[in-house]
Protein backbone atom coordinates (compact mmCIF):
# COMPACT_ATOMS: atom_id res chain seq x y z
CA MET A 1 -61.18 -28.67 -133.78
CA GLY A 2 -58.56 -27.93 -136.33
CA THR A 3 -56.48 -31.20 -135.37
CA GLY A 4 -55.28 -32.66 -138.48
CA SER A 5 -52.94 -35.47 -139.02
CA PRO A 6 -51.63 -37.32 -142.18
CA VAL A 7 -53.44 -40.79 -142.02
CA GLY A 8 -52.87 -43.40 -144.58
CA GLY A 9 -52.36 -42.51 -148.36
CA ALA A 10 -49.13 -41.47 -149.78
CA ALA A 11 -45.86 -41.73 -147.82
CA PRO A 12 -44.79 -38.54 -146.09
CA MET A 13 -42.54 -36.31 -147.82
CA SER A 14 -39.78 -36.23 -145.33
CA GLY A 15 -37.19 -38.99 -145.46
CA ALA A 16 -35.54 -41.07 -142.81
CA TRP A 17 -32.88 -38.68 -142.20
CA VAL A 18 -35.50 -36.09 -141.12
CA ARG A 19 -36.82 -38.70 -138.40
CA ASP A 20 -33.27 -39.10 -137.28
CA VAL A 21 -32.76 -35.35 -136.86
CA ILE A 22 -36.11 -34.99 -134.96
CA ASP A 23 -35.33 -38.11 -132.69
CA ALA A 24 -32.01 -36.58 -131.99
CA LEU A 25 -33.59 -33.24 -131.08
CA THR A 26 -36.33 -34.59 -128.86
CA SER A 27 -33.81 -36.83 -127.07
CA PHE A 28 -31.48 -33.87 -126.33
CA ARG A 29 -31.72 -33.10 -122.57
CA PRO A 30 -28.97 -30.63 -121.52
CA ALA A 31 -27.66 -31.58 -118.00
CA LEU A 32 -28.44 -29.07 -115.36
CA PRO A 33 -25.40 -27.72 -113.36
CA ASN A 34 -24.84 -29.47 -110.11
CA GLY A 35 -25.39 -27.41 -106.93
CA THR A 36 -24.89 -23.75 -107.37
CA VAL A 37 -21.83 -23.78 -109.47
CA PRO A 38 -22.83 -22.29 -112.87
CA ASP A 39 -20.92 -24.87 -115.04
CA GLY A 40 -21.54 -24.98 -118.70
CA ARG A 41 -23.25 -21.73 -118.99
CA ALA A 42 -21.48 -20.78 -122.21
CA GLU A 43 -22.16 -24.05 -123.78
CA LEU A 44 -25.73 -23.81 -123.17
CA ILE A 45 -25.96 -20.57 -124.90
CA ASP A 46 -24.02 -21.97 -127.79
CA GLN A 47 -26.49 -24.67 -127.99
CA LEU A 48 -29.37 -22.15 -128.23
CA ARG A 49 -27.72 -20.36 -130.88
CA ALA A 50 -26.97 -23.44 -132.99
CA LEU A 51 -30.61 -24.52 -132.67
CA GLU A 52 -31.76 -21.07 -133.79
CA ASP A 53 -29.53 -21.38 -136.81
CA LEU A 54 -30.95 -24.80 -137.53
CA LYS A 55 -34.56 -23.33 -137.43
CA SER A 56 -33.53 -20.76 -140.05
CA ALA A 57 -31.83 -23.20 -142.18
CA ALA A 58 -34.95 -25.43 -142.08
CA ALA A 59 -37.25 -22.45 -143.14
CA ALA A 60 -34.95 -21.86 -146.04
CA ALA A 61 -35.16 -25.58 -146.94
CA GLN A 62 -39.10 -25.38 -146.77
CA ALA A 63 -39.13 -22.32 -149.05
CA ARG A 64 -37.19 -24.26 -151.70
CA ILE A 65 -39.31 -27.37 -151.24
CA ALA A 66 -42.48 -25.15 -151.56
CA VAL A 67 -41.32 -23.65 -154.79
CA SER A 68 -40.44 -26.94 -156.17
CA PHE A 69 -43.89 -28.43 -155.33
CA ASP A 70 -45.65 -25.51 -156.95
CA ALA A 71 -43.48 -26.06 -160.20
CA ALA A 72 -44.27 -29.81 -160.22
CA GLN A 73 -48.01 -29.11 -159.58
CA ARG A 74 -48.27 -26.61 -162.43
CA SER A 75 -46.19 -28.93 -164.69
CA ALA A 76 -48.63 -31.78 -164.02
CA GLU A 77 -51.76 -29.56 -164.64
CA THR A 78 -50.09 -28.47 -167.96
CA ASN A 79 -49.82 -32.03 -169.12
CA LEU A 80 -53.48 -32.60 -168.14
CA GLY A 81 -54.59 -29.38 -170.41
CA VAL A 82 -55.65 -27.28 -167.51
CA PRO A 83 -55.83 -23.47 -168.60
CA ALA A 84 -52.94 -21.41 -167.62
CA ASP A 85 -54.92 -19.17 -165.29
CA GLU A 86 -56.19 -22.16 -163.36
CA ARG A 87 -52.84 -23.70 -162.77
CA GLY A 88 -51.53 -23.88 -159.21
CA ARG A 89 -55.01 -23.55 -157.56
CA GLY A 90 -54.89 -25.50 -154.25
CA VAL A 91 -50.98 -25.32 -154.01
CA ALA A 92 -51.02 -23.10 -151.05
CA ALA A 93 -53.75 -25.16 -149.32
CA GLN A 94 -51.67 -28.28 -149.48
CA ILE A 95 -48.65 -26.49 -148.27
CA ALA A 96 -50.85 -25.22 -145.33
CA LEU A 97 -51.93 -28.59 -144.32
CA ALA A 98 -48.41 -30.04 -144.55
CA ARG A 99 -47.05 -27.28 -142.27
CA ARG A 100 -50.08 -27.35 -139.92
CA GLU A 101 -51.08 -23.84 -140.78
CA SER A 102 -54.28 -22.13 -141.93
CA PRO A 103 -55.04 -21.79 -145.56
CA ALA A 104 -54.30 -18.05 -145.36
CA LYS A 105 -50.96 -18.49 -143.79
CA GLY A 106 -50.21 -21.19 -146.49
CA SER A 107 -50.81 -18.45 -149.11
CA ARG A 108 -48.37 -16.14 -147.40
CA LEU A 109 -45.71 -18.85 -146.91
CA LEU A 110 -45.95 -19.76 -150.59
CA GLY A 111 -45.49 -16.16 -151.69
CA LEU A 112 -42.52 -15.78 -149.26
CA ALA A 113 -40.91 -18.81 -150.71
CA LYS A 114 -41.28 -17.75 -154.41
CA ALA A 115 -39.82 -14.26 -153.63
CA LEU A 116 -36.93 -15.66 -151.66
CA VAL A 117 -35.99 -18.39 -154.19
CA THR A 118 -36.43 -16.43 -157.50
CA GLU A 119 -35.81 -12.65 -156.56
CA MET A 120 -33.95 -12.46 -153.27
CA PRO A 121 -31.11 -14.91 -153.10
CA HIS A 122 -29.04 -12.91 -150.49
CA THR A 123 -31.88 -12.88 -148.18
CA LEU A 124 -32.33 -16.65 -148.67
CA ALA A 125 -28.55 -17.16 -148.21
CA ALA A 126 -28.87 -15.29 -144.94
CA LEU A 127 -31.67 -17.45 -143.95
CA ASP A 128 -29.55 -20.46 -144.73
CA SER A 129 -26.80 -19.31 -142.50
CA GLY A 130 -28.97 -18.22 -139.74
CA GLN A 131 -28.16 -14.61 -140.12
CA LEU A 132 -31.80 -13.91 -140.45
CA ASN A 133 -34.84 -15.82 -139.09
CA GLU A 134 -37.98 -16.59 -141.06
CA TRP A 135 -39.83 -13.73 -139.63
CA ARG A 136 -37.34 -11.07 -140.53
CA ALA A 137 -37.04 -12.54 -143.99
CA THR A 138 -40.75 -12.21 -144.38
CA LEU A 139 -40.36 -8.35 -143.45
CA LEU A 140 -37.82 -7.85 -146.11
CA VAL A 141 -40.13 -9.66 -148.67
CA LYS A 142 -43.31 -7.67 -147.52
CA GLU A 143 -41.44 -4.25 -147.74
CA THR A 144 -40.28 -4.84 -151.26
CA ALA A 145 -43.40 -6.34 -152.55
CA CYS A 146 -44.40 -3.38 -154.66
CA LEU A 147 -41.05 -3.36 -156.70
CA SER A 148 -40.32 -4.90 -160.00
CA ALA A 149 -38.34 -8.20 -160.01
CA GLU A 150 -35.19 -6.16 -161.07
CA ASP A 151 -35.55 -3.46 -158.33
CA ARG A 152 -36.19 -6.07 -155.70
CA CYS A 153 -33.06 -7.86 -156.57
CA ALA A 154 -31.12 -4.73 -156.28
CA VAL A 155 -32.61 -4.10 -152.76
CA ASP A 156 -31.78 -7.58 -151.82
CA GLU A 157 -28.03 -7.14 -152.89
CA GLU A 158 -27.91 -3.70 -151.21
CA LEU A 159 -29.13 -5.12 -147.80
CA ALA A 160 -27.30 -8.41 -148.16
CA ALA A 161 -26.48 -9.76 -144.64
CA GLU A 162 -22.74 -10.05 -145.45
CA THR A 163 -22.62 -6.37 -145.71
CA GLY A 164 -23.43 -6.02 -142.00
CA ALA A 165 -26.43 -4.11 -142.63
CA PHE A 166 -28.47 -5.95 -140.14
CA ASP A 167 -25.92 -6.82 -137.48
CA GLY A 168 -27.68 -6.24 -134.17
CA ALA A 169 -30.71 -4.69 -135.90
CA GLY A 170 -34.30 -5.38 -134.57
CA ASP A 171 -37.48 -5.66 -136.62
CA LYS A 172 -38.14 -1.82 -136.85
CA ALA A 173 -34.62 -1.22 -138.10
CA ILE A 174 -35.11 -3.95 -140.75
CA ILE A 175 -38.31 -2.45 -141.77
CA SER A 176 -36.94 1.05 -142.02
CA ALA A 177 -33.90 0.05 -144.04
CA ALA A 178 -36.02 -1.97 -146.54
CA ARG A 179 -38.62 0.93 -146.91
CA ALA A 180 -35.80 3.43 -147.56
CA ALA A 181 -34.03 1.24 -150.04
CA ALA A 182 -37.29 0.52 -151.93
CA TYR A 183 -38.22 4.25 -151.98
CA ARG A 184 -34.70 4.96 -153.44
CA ARG A 185 -35.13 2.49 -156.17
CA ASP A 186 -38.84 3.16 -157.28
CA PRO A 187 -40.43 6.08 -155.31
CA ARG A 188 -43.54 6.05 -157.60
CA SER A 189 -44.38 2.60 -156.86
CA VAL A 190 -43.94 3.07 -153.15
CA THR A 191 -46.24 6.19 -153.29
CA GLN A 192 -48.81 4.24 -155.37
CA ARG A 193 -48.76 1.44 -152.87
CA ALA A 194 -49.51 3.77 -150.07
CA SER A 195 -52.47 5.32 -151.93
CA ARG A 196 -53.88 1.86 -152.65
CA ALA A 197 -53.63 0.82 -148.98
CA ALA A 198 -56.86 2.54 -148.12
CA ALA A 199 -58.68 -0.23 -150.06
CA GLU A 200 -57.38 -2.66 -147.38
CA ARG A 201 -59.22 -0.91 -144.52
CA ARG A 202 -60.92 -3.47 -142.32
CA VAL A 203 -62.09 -4.43 -138.85
CA SER A 204 -61.13 -7.67 -137.24
CA LEU A 205 -61.74 -9.33 -134.01
CA ARG A 206 -59.52 -11.99 -132.17
CA PRO A 207 -59.72 -13.56 -128.67
CA ALA A 208 -57.84 -12.13 -125.72
CA PRO A 209 -57.26 -13.80 -122.24
CA ASP A 210 -59.89 -13.53 -119.59
CA THR A 211 -63.08 -13.23 -121.67
CA MET A 212 -61.76 -10.22 -123.52
CA THR A 213 -61.16 -9.39 -127.22
CA TYR A 214 -59.08 -7.37 -129.52
CA LEU A 215 -61.09 -5.29 -131.77
CA THR A 216 -58.89 -3.96 -134.46
CA ALA A 217 -59.45 -1.35 -137.16
CA LEU A 218 -57.05 -0.83 -140.05
CA LEU A 219 -57.71 2.70 -141.28
CA PRO A 220 -56.26 5.37 -143.31
CA VAL A 221 -54.07 7.47 -141.01
CA ALA A 222 -56.16 10.61 -141.07
CA GLN A 223 -59.36 8.74 -140.21
CA GLY A 224 -57.44 6.62 -137.54
CA VAL A 225 -56.08 9.82 -135.92
CA ALA A 226 -59.50 11.34 -136.02
CA VAL A 227 -61.24 8.56 -134.32
CA HIS A 228 -58.73 8.43 -131.66
CA ALA A 229 -58.73 12.02 -131.03
CA ALA A 230 -62.45 12.04 -130.72
CA LEU A 231 -62.51 9.20 -128.12
CA SER A 232 -59.59 11.02 -126.24
CA ARG A 233 -61.46 14.34 -126.11
CA HIS A 234 -64.67 12.51 -124.90
CA ALA A 235 -62.61 10.64 -122.16
CA ASP A 236 -60.82 14.00 -121.11
CA THR A 237 -64.08 15.72 -120.93
CA LEU A 238 -65.62 13.09 -118.65
CA ARG A 239 -62.61 12.79 -116.44
CA SER A 240 -62.54 16.56 -115.86
CA GLY A 241 -66.30 16.16 -114.81
CA GLY A 242 -65.45 13.74 -112.10
CA ASP A 243 -65.81 10.36 -113.93
CA THR A 244 -63.86 7.80 -111.80
CA ARG A 245 -63.18 5.45 -114.76
CA SER A 246 -59.74 5.39 -116.24
CA ARG A 247 -59.19 7.21 -119.56
CA GLY A 248 -58.76 4.05 -121.42
CA GLN A 249 -61.95 2.62 -119.91
CA ILE A 250 -63.98 5.59 -120.96
CA MET A 251 -62.62 5.44 -124.52
CA ALA A 252 -63.44 1.63 -124.79
CA ASP A 253 -66.94 2.30 -123.40
CA ALA A 254 -67.57 5.28 -125.75
CA LEU A 255 -66.41 3.22 -128.69
CA VAL A 256 -68.90 0.33 -127.88
CA GLU A 257 -71.70 2.85 -127.22
CA ARG A 258 -71.27 4.85 -130.43
CA THR A 259 -70.86 1.78 -132.50
CA THR A 260 -73.80 -0.22 -131.13
CA GLY A 261 -76.14 2.63 -130.03
CA THR A 262 -76.49 1.22 -126.58
CA PRO A 263 -74.19 1.50 -123.33
CA GLY A 264 -74.06 -2.23 -122.90
CA GLY A 265 -73.39 -3.00 -126.72
CA ILE A 266 -75.94 -5.84 -126.92
CA THR A 267 -79.00 -5.06 -128.61
CA GLY A 268 -80.87 -6.68 -131.50
CA VAL A 269 -77.68 -8.87 -132.19
CA ALA A 270 -77.76 -12.57 -131.89
CA ILE A 271 -74.89 -13.74 -129.78
CA GLN A 272 -75.88 -17.40 -129.70
CA LEU A 273 -74.21 -18.29 -126.35
CA VAL A 274 -74.12 -22.11 -125.94
CA MET A 275 -74.36 -23.59 -122.44
CA THR A 276 -75.87 -26.42 -120.64
CA ASP A 277 -79.10 -26.15 -118.64
CA ARG A 278 -77.11 -27.15 -115.67
CA THR A 279 -74.83 -24.32 -115.94
CA LEU A 280 -77.72 -21.87 -116.47
CA PHE A 281 -80.07 -22.98 -113.78
CA GLN A 282 -78.05 -25.02 -111.40
CA ARG A 283 -74.87 -22.92 -111.31
CA ASP A 284 -72.75 -25.93 -112.65
CA SER A 285 -69.21 -25.00 -113.43
CA GLU A 286 -69.34 -26.49 -117.02
CA PRO A 287 -67.86 -23.69 -119.30
CA ALA A 288 -69.88 -22.17 -122.10
CA ARG A 289 -69.04 -21.27 -125.69
CA LEU A 290 -69.51 -17.87 -127.20
CA PRO A 291 -69.28 -18.15 -131.13
CA GLY A 292 -66.49 -15.83 -132.54
CA TYR A 293 -64.67 -15.96 -129.23
CA GLY A 294 -64.44 -19.50 -127.78
CA ILE A 295 -64.78 -21.07 -124.33
CA VAL A 296 -65.95 -18.63 -121.43
CA PRO A 297 -66.36 -19.37 -117.77
CA ALA A 298 -69.80 -20.58 -116.51
CA GLY A 299 -70.20 -17.62 -113.99
CA TRP A 300 -69.38 -15.12 -116.70
CA ALA A 301 -72.02 -16.65 -119.09
CA ARG A 302 -74.69 -16.47 -116.41
CA ASN A 303 -73.80 -12.79 -115.70
CA LEU A 304 -74.04 -11.99 -119.39
CA LEU A 305 -77.56 -13.45 -119.31
CA SER A 306 -78.57 -11.53 -116.30
CA GLY A 307 -77.10 -8.40 -117.93
CA SER A 308 -74.51 -7.97 -115.13
CA SER A 309 -71.38 -8.64 -117.06
CA GLY A 310 -68.94 -6.05 -118.14
CA ASN A 311 -67.46 -3.07 -116.47
CA THR A 312 -69.32 -0.37 -114.83
CA LYS A 313 -68.63 3.29 -114.53
CA ASP A 314 -66.29 2.97 -111.52
CA GLY A 315 -64.47 0.03 -113.10
CA ARG A 316 -65.89 -2.73 -110.98
CA SER A 317 -67.42 -5.80 -112.40
CA GLY A 318 -71.21 -5.86 -113.15
CA GLN A 319 -71.47 -8.56 -110.59
CA ASP A 320 -70.49 -5.96 -107.96
CA GLN A 321 -72.94 -3.45 -109.60
CA ALA A 322 -75.95 -5.37 -110.32
CA GLU A 323 -78.27 -2.40 -109.79
CA GLU A 324 -76.56 -0.83 -112.96
CA THR A 325 -77.38 -3.73 -115.30
CA HIS A 326 -78.95 -3.17 -118.75
CA ASP A 327 -82.18 -4.78 -119.61
CA PHE A 328 -82.35 -7.02 -122.78
CA LYS A 329 -84.72 -9.74 -123.91
CA LEU A 330 -83.91 -13.38 -123.72
CA TRP A 331 -84.77 -16.11 -126.11
CA LEU A 332 -83.82 -19.72 -125.11
CA ARG A 333 -83.33 -22.02 -127.94
CA ARG A 334 -82.93 -25.56 -127.01
CA LEU A 335 -80.51 -27.84 -128.68
CA PHE A 336 -80.96 -31.46 -127.82
CA THR A 337 -77.82 -33.57 -127.34
CA ALA A 338 -77.46 -37.37 -126.81
CA PRO A 339 -76.82 -38.23 -123.08
CA GLY A 340 -73.30 -38.57 -122.16
CA THR A 341 -71.86 -38.02 -125.64
CA GLY A 342 -72.83 -34.32 -126.22
CA GLU A 343 -73.59 -35.06 -129.91
CA LEU A 344 -76.36 -33.01 -131.42
CA VAL A 345 -79.49 -34.91 -132.40
CA ALA A 346 -79.49 -35.18 -136.32
CA VAL A 347 -82.00 -33.69 -138.51
CA ASP A 348 -82.42 -34.27 -142.23
CA SER A 349 -83.57 -32.39 -145.17
CA ARG A 350 -84.29 -33.02 -148.80
CA ALA A 351 -83.64 -29.37 -149.85
CA ARG A 352 -80.80 -28.28 -151.75
CA PHE A 353 -79.72 -25.62 -149.38
CA PHE A 354 -79.42 -26.10 -145.64
CA PRO A 355 -82.49 -24.74 -143.92
CA ALA A 356 -82.16 -22.23 -141.23
CA GLY A 357 -82.60 -24.80 -138.24
CA LEU A 358 -79.85 -27.03 -139.72
CA ARG A 359 -77.56 -24.19 -140.27
CA ARG A 360 -77.80 -23.21 -136.70
CA PHE A 361 -77.13 -26.81 -135.68
CA ILE A 362 -73.94 -26.85 -137.86
CA GLN A 363 -72.88 -23.50 -136.52
CA ALA A 364 -73.16 -24.60 -132.97
CA ARG A 365 -71.26 -27.79 -133.57
CA ASP A 366 -68.60 -26.65 -135.79
CA ASP A 367 -67.96 -23.11 -134.32
CA THR A 368 -65.25 -22.17 -136.87
CA CYS A 369 -64.19 -23.56 -140.40
CA ARG A 370 -63.78 -27.40 -140.26
CA THR A 371 -60.69 -27.37 -142.33
CA PRO A 372 -57.61 -28.69 -140.23
CA TYR A 373 -55.68 -25.64 -138.74
CA CYS A 374 -58.05 -23.11 -140.17
CA ASP A 375 -59.92 -20.97 -137.50
CA ALA A 376 -61.60 -18.54 -139.90
CA PRO A 377 -65.26 -17.80 -139.28
CA ILE A 378 -67.89 -20.07 -141.07
CA ARG A 379 -69.21 -18.40 -144.28
CA HIS A 380 -70.39 -21.41 -146.03
CA PHE A 381 -72.58 -24.35 -145.01
CA ASP A 382 -71.19 -27.15 -147.39
CA HIS A 383 -72.22 -30.64 -148.34
CA ILE A 384 -69.30 -32.86 -147.55
CA ILE A 385 -70.35 -35.33 -150.20
CA PRO A 386 -71.55 -32.92 -152.76
CA TRP A 387 -75.27 -32.68 -153.28
CA HIS A 388 -75.06 -33.33 -157.09
CA ASP A 389 -73.24 -36.60 -156.25
CA GLY A 390 -76.20 -37.75 -154.12
CA GLY A 391 -74.94 -36.23 -150.79
CA PRO A 392 -77.86 -35.67 -148.48
CA THR A 393 -78.66 -32.20 -146.76
CA SER A 394 -78.17 -33.53 -143.26
CA LEU A 395 -76.25 -32.76 -140.24
CA ALA A 396 -73.88 -35.71 -140.73
CA ASN A 397 -73.04 -34.55 -144.36
CA GLY A 398 -72.79 -30.86 -143.43
CA ALA A 399 -69.73 -28.80 -142.52
CA GLY A 400 -69.21 -25.23 -141.84
CA LEU A 401 -66.39 -23.75 -143.83
CA CYS A 402 -64.79 -20.50 -144.71
CA GLU A 403 -65.27 -19.16 -148.23
CA ALA A 404 -61.61 -20.03 -149.40
CA CYS A 405 -61.69 -23.67 -148.05
CA ASN A 406 -65.08 -24.38 -149.79
CA HIS A 407 -63.58 -23.20 -153.10
CA THR A 408 -60.38 -25.28 -152.46
CA LYS A 409 -62.43 -28.40 -151.74
CA GLU A 410 -64.11 -28.26 -155.09
CA LEU A 411 -60.71 -28.32 -157.05
CA PRO A 412 -59.90 -31.32 -159.11
CA GLY A 413 -58.17 -34.03 -157.04
CA TRP A 414 -59.65 -32.98 -153.65
CA THR A 415 -62.25 -35.34 -151.94
CA ALA A 416 -63.99 -35.14 -148.75
CA GLN A 417 -65.80 -37.65 -146.58
CA THR A 418 -67.79 -37.68 -143.53
CA GLY A 419 -67.42 -40.05 -140.39
CA ALA A 420 -67.47 -40.03 -136.67
CA VAL A 421 -64.94 -40.93 -133.97
CA THR A 422 -66.43 -43.02 -131.23
CA THR A 423 -65.07 -44.01 -127.80
CA GLN A 424 -66.71 -45.66 -124.82
CA HIS A 425 -68.76 -42.54 -123.95
CA ALA A 426 -68.51 -40.10 -126.79
CA THR A 427 -69.21 -39.72 -130.53
CA ARG A 428 -68.08 -36.70 -132.46
CA HIS A 429 -68.41 -35.73 -135.96
CA VAL A 430 -65.41 -36.08 -138.36
CA LEU A 431 -64.51 -34.39 -141.67
CA GLY A 432 -61.83 -36.20 -143.67
CA ILE A 433 -60.01 -34.50 -146.39
CA ARG A 434 -57.84 -36.05 -149.21
CA THR A 435 -55.50 -33.84 -151.24
CA PRO A 436 -54.43 -34.36 -154.98
CA THR A 437 -51.10 -35.73 -153.54
CA GLY A 438 -52.87 -38.66 -151.74
CA HIS A 439 -52.28 -37.38 -148.17
CA HIS A 440 -55.23 -37.50 -145.69
CA TYR A 441 -56.25 -35.06 -143.10
CA GLN A 442 -59.11 -35.04 -140.60
CA SER A 443 -60.75 -32.64 -138.34
CA THR A 444 -62.94 -33.55 -135.46
CA ALA A 445 -65.78 -31.27 -134.26
CA PRO A 446 -64.88 -29.66 -130.94
CA PRO A 447 -66.73 -30.86 -127.88
CA LEU A 448 -69.93 -28.99 -126.80
CA PRO A 449 -70.42 -27.55 -123.49
CA GLY A 450 -71.53 -30.31 -121.19
CA SER A 451 -70.21 -33.23 -123.23
CA ASN A 452 -67.90 -35.54 -121.45
CA PRO A 453 -64.20 -35.62 -122.17
CA LEU A 454 -63.12 -38.79 -123.98
CA GLY A 455 -62.80 -41.73 -121.51
CA THR A 456 -64.84 -40.29 -118.72
CA ASP A 457 -67.99 -41.62 -117.06
CA PRO A 458 -71.40 -40.41 -118.46
CA PRO A 459 -73.57 -38.25 -116.33
CA ASP A 460 -75.91 -39.90 -113.69
CA THR A 461 -78.81 -41.67 -115.43
CA ALA A 462 -80.68 -42.76 -112.19
CA PRO A 463 -84.49 -42.30 -111.85
CA SER A 464 -83.79 -38.76 -110.10
CA HIS A 465 -82.67 -37.72 -113.62
CA SER A 466 -86.29 -37.16 -114.76
CA ARG A 467 -87.06 -35.41 -111.59
CA ARG A 468 -84.25 -32.94 -112.11
CA ARG A 469 -85.40 -32.35 -115.77
CA ARG A 470 -88.91 -31.42 -114.56
CA LYS A 471 -87.35 -29.18 -112.05
CA LEU A 472 -85.41 -27.56 -114.82
CA ARG A 473 -88.38 -27.11 -116.89
CA HIS A 474 -90.27 -25.22 -113.93
CA GLN A 475 -87.39 -23.06 -113.42
CA ALA A 476 -87.29 -22.13 -117.04
CA LYS A 477 -90.91 -21.28 -116.79
CA ALA A 478 -90.19 -19.01 -113.76
CA LEU A 479 -87.43 -17.33 -115.58
CA ARG A 480 -89.62 -16.69 -118.48
CA TYR A 481 -92.82 -15.32 -116.65
CA ALA A 482 -90.96 -13.36 -113.84
CA HIS A 483 -88.78 -11.60 -116.25
CA LEU A 484 -85.71 -12.14 -114.39
CA THR A 485 -83.70 -11.48 -117.47
CA GLN A 486 -84.80 -9.87 -120.70
CA LEU A 487 -82.76 -10.55 -123.68
CA GLN A 488 -83.51 -9.48 -127.16
CA VAL A 489 -82.05 -11.47 -130.15
CA ALA A 490 -82.65 -10.23 -133.73
């Protein structure tokens, strides 16, 4: 969904020489040694090192360019009379789009660039020469963020690459050296930073392979140790009582049960699983989509609805232990799509705010924030053409955005427009964004489960299609009245 590309508008910032370098790199194909003779091994390693140095030098150049762009933007806004505290808004978002990164990553990249260019010249020089890569330069900037500009410059000089401080050092060694140097310079600031860190506590969720997720909690050390110790004691108690699950499985299951109040973890929570009727009733292989996670296999989605997904006490899948499933009630909400295209049927409203039904449509269509390269959860349902400019409260004029992207879109010089991309068999919603520099980016709504890939044949539309639909309706009624599955959604 986050596919963005500069289309039209201002000429790209990179010159012809950049294209020459890119063409040279893409055409570079090292010859493989003939037979079993390992000829040219040393040269291949030298080429790898040279390309790594080139990546570091490019990162240093990007940092200088980002700082120059920030200064130019602020200067232009000064000439326009923009208040000082409002200058530079949207700079990080434009940098993110140009670098094909999320807006949050763009803010971090701008902060890194400013620190390197204005306060850490030795680290920037090491990046230029390839002695540090961008990630390790980021670590040095992060560990000195609490220092004054003067102290940060002093630490930068102390840890200069030419001193040999980081020869052969890994990430942990660099972090330790930077922390020690920062503490020697200003122990009070470092201590205060640690005391303020508790305000940054949070819980986050990100996808993992094979329909798993990483649930991460950033906690103060005392609370984190206490939570882990409690789960460990619980696991040890059950294991000593003969529980056959592994220690890690017991701890994970206990965390879910203690947080949600139920062993299965799903009760009174809307999970909004999106799947086709063919997948649900006819065991079709078309994958489903789980908001907050992404694409999930068809069989896994059916198992979830029947209550037989997840692991049981002996570690086997719920499909193998169907008798241990948990009951929960099911509500089926039908979303009608155009045959062959997968496009949701539009609805319109004259209301200033998107009604609940329309918000559900947009949530199902967009899945995550529609700004290119941004995968943040949807927090705002936005009028692409603003309502005060006559933009309708409609599915076509609506977009799901995160809070930061919605605020950025309202800055001076930013415009957005709605559209659609249509091929022989599919039509998908398009959000177009124009930045103050005249660059254009666009994002296309992700395909819904059951929609045809671009260029494939539409589903069968023979007369038997209506009979199949009637059969599906009967199956839905049977599912409802026989209580084969009982899902409860708040």
